Amino acid sequence: LMGIGYLTGAVALISEIVGGITNKCRQIMRRSRKSISSAWSSRRTSTANENISHTSSEQLTYEH
């Protein structure tokens, strides 16, 4: 019975470790997708804003 308890505990420990690693990987994947989509969105917005004429002071602020 003691061996079965140790085996059950080891299985539960391994399950917790694997589950934690899996959740961490999912979080990393979500963050990378968000950063890729936000970079694409900001690039798209910046190219759309190039067609708008700015005053010289607005242009300097925009470039910085």
PDB file of N, CA and C in Angstrom:
ATOM      1  N   LEU A   1       0.820  -1.210   0.000  1.00  0.00           N
ATOM      2  CA  LEU A   1       0.000   0.000   0.000  1.00  0.00           C
ATOM      3  C   LEU A   1       0.858   1.266   0.000  1.00  0.00           C
ATOM      4  N   MET A   2       1.955   1.209   0.721  1.00  0.00           N
ATOM      5  CA  MET A   2       2.830   2.382   0.767  1.00  0.00           C
ATOM      6  C   MET A   2       3.432   2.663  -0.620  1.00  0.00           C
ATOM      7  N   GLY A   3       3.783   1.628  -1.327  1.00  0.00           N
ATOM      8  CA  GLY A   3       4.330   1.777  -2.686  1.00  0.00           C
ATOM      9  C   GLY A   3       3.303   2.377  -3.634  1.00  0.00           C
ATOM     10  N   ILE A   4       2.046   1.957  -3.503  1.00  0.00           N
ATOM     11  CA  ILE A   4       0.982   2.518  -4.341  1.00  0.00           C
ATOM     12  C   ILE A   4       0.808   4.007  -4.039  1.00  0.00           C
ATOM     13  N   GLY A   5       0.900   4.383  -2.773  1.00  0.00           N
ATOM     14  CA  GLY A   5       0.795   5.792  -2.384  1.00  0.00           C
ATOM     15  C   GLY A   5       1.923   6.624  -2.967  1.00  0.00           C
ATOM     16  N   TYR A   6       3.156   6.073  -2.885  1.00  0.00           N
ATOM     17  CA  TYR A   6       4.296   6.790  -3.472  1.00  0.00           C
ATOM     18  C   TYR A   6       4.148   6.918  -4.991  1.00  0.00           C
ATOM     19  N   LEU A   7       3.677   5.858  -5.620  1.00  0.00           N
ATOM     20  CA  LEU A   7       3.489   5.877  -7.073  1.00  0.00           C
ATOM     21  C   LEU A   7       2.417   6.892  -7.456  1.00  0.00           C
ATOM     22  N   THR A   8       1.320   6.925  -6.723  1.00  0.00           N
ATOM     23  CA  THR A   8       0.251   7.893  -6.985  1.00  0.00           C
ATOM     24  C   THR A   8       0.757   9.323  -6.779  1.00  0.00           C
ATOM     25  N   GLY A   9       1.537   9.537  -5.723  1.00  0.00           N
ATOM     26  CA  GLY A   9       2.102  10.856  -5.468  1.00  0.00           C
ATOM     27  C   GLY A   9       3.063  11.289  -6.576  1.00  0.00           C
ATOM     28  N   ALA A  10       3.877  10.344  -7.057  1.00  0.00           N
ATOM     29  CA  ALA A  10       4.822  10.657  -8.132  1.00  0.00           C
ATOM     30  C   ALA A  10       4.077  11.000  -9.424  1.00  0.00           C
ATOM     31  N   VAL A  11       3.021  10.253  -9.705  1.00  0.00           N
ATOM     32  CA  VAL A  11       2.224  10.529 -10.912  1.00  0.00           C
ATOM     33  C   VAL A  11       1.579  11.914 -10.799  1.00  0.00           C
ATOM     34  N   ALA A  12       1.043  12.239  -9.624  1.00  0.00           N
ATOM     35  CA  ALA A  12       0.422  13.556  -9.424  1.00  0.00           C
ATOM     36  C   ALA A  12       1.456  14.673  -9.566  1.00  0.00           C
ATOM     37  N   LEU A  13       2.655  14.474  -9.026  1.00  0.00           N
ATOM     38  CA  LEU A  13       3.714  15.472  -9.133  1.00  0.00           C
ATOM     39  C   LEU A  13       4.117  15.697 -10.586  1.00  0.00           C
ATOM     40  N   ILE A  14       4.306  14.632 -11.319  1.00  0.00           N
ATOM     41  CA  ILE A  14       4.686  14.747 -12.734  1.00  0.00           C
ATOM     42  C   ILE A  14       3.572  15.438 -13.520  1.00  0.00           C
ATOM     43  N   SER A  15       2.315  15.097 -13.200  1.00  0.00           N
ATOM     44  CA  SER A  15       1.181  15.726 -13.873  1.00  0.00           C
ATOM     45  C   SER A  15       1.158  17.230 -13.617  1.00  0.00           C
ATOM     46  N   GLU A  16       1.413  17.635 -12.382  1.00  0.00           N
ATOM     47  CA  GLU A  16       1.437  19.061 -12.046  1.00  0.00           C
ATOM     48  C   GLU A  16       2.567  19.789 -12.780  1.00  0.00           C
ATOM     49  N   ILE A  17       3.717  19.183 -12.858  1.00  0.00           N
ATOM     50  CA  ILE A  17       4.864  19.801 -13.536  1.00  0.00           C
ATOM     51  C   ILE A  17       4.581  19.957 -15.030  1.00  0.00           C
ATOM     52  N   VAL A  18       4.085  18.881 -15.659  1.00  0.00           N
ATOM     53  CA  VAL A  18       3.790  18.930 -17.093  1.00  0.00           C
ATOM     54  C   VAL A  18       2.689  19.947 -17.372  1.00  0.00           C
ATOM     55  N   GLY A  19       1.652  19.986 -16.531  1.00  0.00           N
ATOM     56  CA  GLY A  19       0.575  20.950 -16.704  1.00  0.00           C
ATOM     57  C   GLY A  19       1.060  22.384 -16.564  1.00  0.00           C
ATOM     58  N   GLY A  20       1.950  22.641 -15.613  1.00  0.00           N
ATOM     59  CA  GLY A  20       2.503  23.983 -15.439  1.00  0.00           C
ATOM     60  C   GLY A  20       3.329  24.418 -16.626  1.00  0.00           C
ATOM     61  N   ILE A  21       4.130  23.517 -17.137  1.00  0.00           N
ATOM     62  CA  ILE A  21       4.950  23.839 -18.313  1.00  0.00           C
ATOM     63  C   ILE A  21       4.058  24.107 -19.526  1.00  0.00           C
ATOM     64  N   THR A  22       3.008  23.300 -19.678  1.00  0.00           N
ATOM     65  CA  THR A  22       2.091  23.483 -20.799  1.00  0.00           C
ATOM     66  C   THR A  22       1.400  24.840 -20.725  1.00  0.00           C
ATOM     67  N   ASN A  23       0.922  25.213 -19.536  1.00  0.00           N
ATOM     68  CA  ASN A  23       0.266  26.514 -19.378  1.00  0.00           C
ATOM     69  C   ASN A  23       1.226  27.661 -19.644  1.00  0.00           C
ATOM     70  N   LYS A  24       2.465  27.530 -19.197  1.00  0.00           N
ATOM     71  CA  LYS A  24       3.456  28.578 -19.437  1.00  0.00           C
ATOM     72  C   LYS A  24       3.729  28.721 -20.935  1.00  0.00           C
ATOM     73  N   CYS A  25       3.822  27.620 -21.640  1.00  0.00           N
ATOM     74  CA  CYS A  25       4.037  27.670 -23.089  1.00  0.00           C
ATOM     75  C   CYS A  25       2.858  28.336 -23.800  1.00  0.00           C
ATOM     76  N   ARG A  26       1.647  28.042 -23.347  1.00  0.00           N
ATOM     77  CA  ARG A  26       0.472  28.681 -23.948  1.00  0.00           C
ATOM     78  C   ARG A  26       0.491  30.188 -23.736  1.00  0.00           C
ATOM     79  N   GLN A  27       0.892  30.621 -22.529  1.00  0.00           N
ATOM     80  CA  GLN A  27       0.983  32.060 -22.258  1.00  0.00           C
ATOM     81  C   GLN A  27       2.008  32.720 -23.172  1.00  0.00           C
ATOM     82  N   ILE A  28       3.140  32.077 -23.349  1.00  0.00           N
ATOM     83  CA  ILE A  28       4.185  32.620 -24.217  1.00  0.00           C
ATOM     84  C   ILE A  28       3.688  32.706 -25.653  1.00  0.00           C
ATOM     85  N   MET A  29       2.971  31.674 -26.103  1.00  0.00           N
ATOM     86  CA  MET A  29       2.441  31.689 -27.466  1.00  0.00           C
ATOM     87  C   MET A  29       1.428  32.817 -27.649  1.00  0.00           C
ATOM     88  N   ARG A  30       0.557  33.030 -26.644  1.00  0.00           N
ATOM     89  CA  ARG A  30      -0.424  34.119 -26.746  1.00  0.00           C
ATOM     90  C   ARG A  30       0.271  35.465 -26.808  1.00  0.00           C
ATOM     91  N   ARG A  31       1.293  35.664 -25.968  1.00  0.00           N
ATOM     92  CA  ARG A  31       2.022  36.938 -25.975  1.00  0.00           C
ATOM     93  C   ARG A  31       2.708  37.175 -27.308  1.00  0.00           C
ATOM     94  N   SER A  32       3.303  36.132 -27.867  1.00  0.00           N
ATOM     95  CA  SER A  32       4.005  36.317 -29.143  1.00  0.00           C
ATOM     96  C   SER A  32       3.011  36.615 -30.258  1.00  0.00           C
ATOM     97  N   ARG A  33       1.829  35.998 -30.217  1.00  0.00           N
ATOM     98  CA  ARG A  33       0.812  36.312 -31.222  1.00  0.00           C
ATOM     99  C   ARG A  33       0.339  37.743 -31.086  1.00  0.00           C
ATOM    100  N   LYS A  34       0.147  38.200 -29.840  1.00  0.00           N
ATOM    101  CA  LYS A  34      -0.302  39.577 -29.626  1.00  0.00           C
ATOM    102  C   LYS A  34       0.749  40.567 -30.095  1.00  0.00           C
ATOM    103  N   SER A  35       2.024  40.298 -29.801  1.00  0.00           N
ATOM    104  CA  SER A  35       3.070  41.233 -30.205  1.00  0.00           C
ATOM    105  C   SER A  35       3.227  41.252 -31.718  1.00  0.00           C
ATOM    106  N   ILE A  36       3.069  40.110 -32.354  1.00  0.00           N
ATOM    107  CA  ILE A  36       3.157  40.066 -33.820  1.00  0.00           C
ATOM    108  C   ILE A  36       1.991  40.835 -34.427  1.00  0.00           C
ATOM    109  N   SER A  37       0.778  40.612 -33.881  1.00  0.00           N
ATOM    110  CA  SER A  37      -0.385  41.297 -34.446  1.00  0.00           C
ATOM    111  C   SER A  37      -0.333  42.794 -34.165  1.00  0.00           C
ATOM    112  N   SER A  38       0.167  43.193 -32.983  1.00  0.00           N
ATOM    113  CA  SER A  38       0.253  44.623 -32.702  1.00  0.00           C
ATOM    114  C   SER A  38       1.329  45.289 -33.555  1.00  0.00           C
ATOM    115  N   ALA A  39       2.422  44.585 -33.813  1.00  0.00           N
ATOM    116  CA  ALA A  39       3.462  45.134 -34.680  1.00  0.00           C
ATOM    117  C   ALA A  39       2.923  45.293 -36.098  1.00  0.00           C
ATOM    118  N   TRP A  40       2.167  44.313 -36.559  1.00  0.00           N
ATOM    119  CA  TRP A  40       1.576  44.393 -37.898  1.00  0.00           C
ATOM    120  C   TRP A  40       0.569  45.537 -37.956  1.00  0.00           C
ATOM    121  N   SER A  41      -0.222  45.680 -36.887  1.00  0.00           N
ATOM    122  CA  SER A  41      -1.226  46.736 -36.847  1.00  0.00           C
ATOM    123  C   SER A  41      -0.579  48.118 -36.830  1.00  0.00           C
ATOM    124  N   SER A  42       0.481  48.278 -36.013  1.00  0.00           N
ATOM    125  CA  SER A  42       1.136  49.586 -35.949  1.00  0.00           C
ATOM    126  C   SER A  42       1.842  49.905 -37.261  1.00  0.00           C
ATOM    127  N   ARG A  43       2.393  48.899 -37.918  1.00  0.00           N
ATOM    128  CA  ARG A  43       3.049  49.129 -39.212  1.00  0.00           C
ATOM    129  C   ARG A  43       2.007  49.551 -40.237  1.00  0.00           C
ATOM    130  N   ARG A  44       0.837  48.902 -40.192  1.00  0.00           N
ATOM    131  CA  ARG A  44      -0.235  49.239 -41.121  1.00  0.00           C
ATOM    132  C   ARG A  44      -0.738  50.654 -40.865  1.00  0.00           C
ATOM    133  N   THR A  45      -0.866  51.027 -39.595  1.00  0.00           N
ATOM    134  CA  THR A  45      -1.320  52.370 -39.242  1.00  0.00           C
ATOM    135  C   THR A  45      -0.299  53.415 -39.663  1.00  0.00           C
ATOM    136  N   SER A  46       0.991  53.108 -39.474  1.00  0.00           N
ATOM    137  CA  SER A  46       2.008  54.090 -39.839  1.00  0.00           C
ATOM    138  C   SER A  46       2.058  54.312 -41.349  1.00  0.00           C
ATOM    139  N   THR A  47       1.837  53.260 -42.132  1.00  0.00           N
ATOM    140  CA  THR A  47       1.830  53.462 -43.580  1.00  0.00           C
ATOM    141  C   THR A  47       0.592  54.228 -44.009  1.00  0.00           C
ATOM    142  N   ALA A  48      -0.511  54.046 -43.290  1.00  0.00           N
ATOM    143  CA  ALA A  48      -1.725  54.799 -43.615  1.00  0.00           C
ATOM    144  C   ALA A  48      -1.553  56.265 -43.247  1.00  0.00           C
ATOM    145  N   ASN A  49      -0.800  56.542 -42.177  1.00  0.00           N
ATOM    146  CA  ASN A  49      -0.593  57.920 -41.737  1.00  0.00           C
ATOM    147  C   ASN A  49       0.398  58.675 -42.618  1.00  0.00           C
ATOM    148  N   GLU A  50       1.169  57.965 -43.424  1.00  0.00           N
ATOM    149  CA  GLU A  50       2.129  58.639 -44.294  1.00  0.00           C
ATOM    150  C   GLU A  50       1.430  59.443 -45.379  1.00  0.00           C
ATOM    151  N   ASN A  51       0.215  59.070 -45.705  1.00  0.00           N
ATOM    152  CA  ASN A  51      -0.520  59.762 -46.749  1.00  0.00           C
ATOM    153  C   ASN A  51      -1.145  61.063 -46.255  1.00  0.00           C
ATOM    154  N   ILE A  52      -1.164  61.296 -44.945  1.00  0.00           N
ATOM    155  CA  ILE A  52      -1.760  62.496 -44.367  1.00  0.00           C
ATOM    156  C   ILE A  52      -0.683  63.575 -44.306  1.00  0.00           C
ATOM    157  N   SER A  53      -1.013  64.796 -44.737  1.00  0.00           N
ATOM    158  CA  SER A  53      -0.026  65.869 -44.685  1.00  0.00           C
ATOM    159  C   SER A  53      -0.009  66.469 -43.278  1.00  0.00           C
ATOM    160  N   HIS A  54       1.202  66.717 -42.772  1.00  0.00           N
ATOM    161  CA  HIS A  54       1.399  67.271 -41.436  1.00  0.00           C
ATOM    162  C   HIS A  54       2.086  68.618 -41.548  1.00  0.00           C
ATOM    163  N   THR A  55       1.892  69.436 -40.515  1.00  0.00           N
ATOM    164  CA  THR A  55       2.673  70.662 -40.446  1.00  0.00           C
ATOM    165  C   THR A  55       4.092  70.274 -40.056  1.00  0.00           C
ATOM    166  N   SER A  56       5.027  71.186 -40.176  1.00  0.00           N
ATOM    167  CA  SER A  56       6.419  70.855 -39.874  1.00  0.00           C
ATOM    168  C   SER A  56       6.608  70.467 -38.409  1.00  0.00           C
ATOM    169  N   SER A  57       5.922  71.148 -37.473  1.00  0.00           N
ATOM    170  CA  SER A  57       6.069  70.785 -36.062  1.00  0.00           C
ATOM    171  C   SER A  57       5.446  69.418 -35.782  1.00  0.00           C
ATOM    172  N   GLU A  58       4.308  69.136 -36.419  1.00  0.00           N
ATOM    173  CA  GLU A  58       3.699  67.811 -36.235  1.00  0.00           C
ATOM    174  C   GLU A  58       4.604  66.727 -36.823  1.00  0.00           C
ATOM    175  N   GLN A  59       5.227  67.020 -37.928  1.00  0.00           N
ATOM    176  CA  GLN A  59       6.107  66.048 -38.564  1.00  0.00           C
ATOM    177  C   GLN A  59       7.311  65.753 -37.676  1.00  0.00           C
ATOM    178  N   LEU A  60       7.896  66.777 -37.060  1.00  0.00           N
ATOM    179  CA  LEU A  60       9.027  66.565 -36.153  1.00  0.00           C
ATOM    180  C   LEU A  60       8.613  65.726 -34.949  1.00  0.00           C
ATOM    181  N   THR A  61       7.442  66.021 -34.390  1.00  0.00           N
ATOM    182  CA  THR A  61       6.946  65.248 -33.258  1.00  0.00           C
ATOM    183  C   THR A  61       6.684  63.820 -33.677  1.00  0.00           C
ATOM    184  N   TYR A  62       6.122  63.611 -34.836  1.00  0.00           N
ATOM    185  CA  TYR A  62       5.814  62.280 -35.336  1.00  0.00           C
ATOM    186  C   TYR A  62       7.083  61.465 -35.565  1.00  0.00           C
ATOM    187  N   GLU A  63       8.121  62.101 -36.098  1.00  0.00           N
ATOM    188  CA  GLU A  63       9.368  61.381 -36.375  1.00  0.00           C
ATOM    189  C   GLU A  63      10.090  60.982 -35.106  1.00  0.00           C
ATOM    190  N   HIS A  64       9.966  61.797 -34.060  1.00  0.00           N
ATOM    191  CA  HIS A  64      10.643  61.464 -32.802  1.00  0.00           C
ATOM    192  C   HIS A  64       9.836  60.444 -32.066  1.00  0.00           C
TER     193      HIS A  64
END
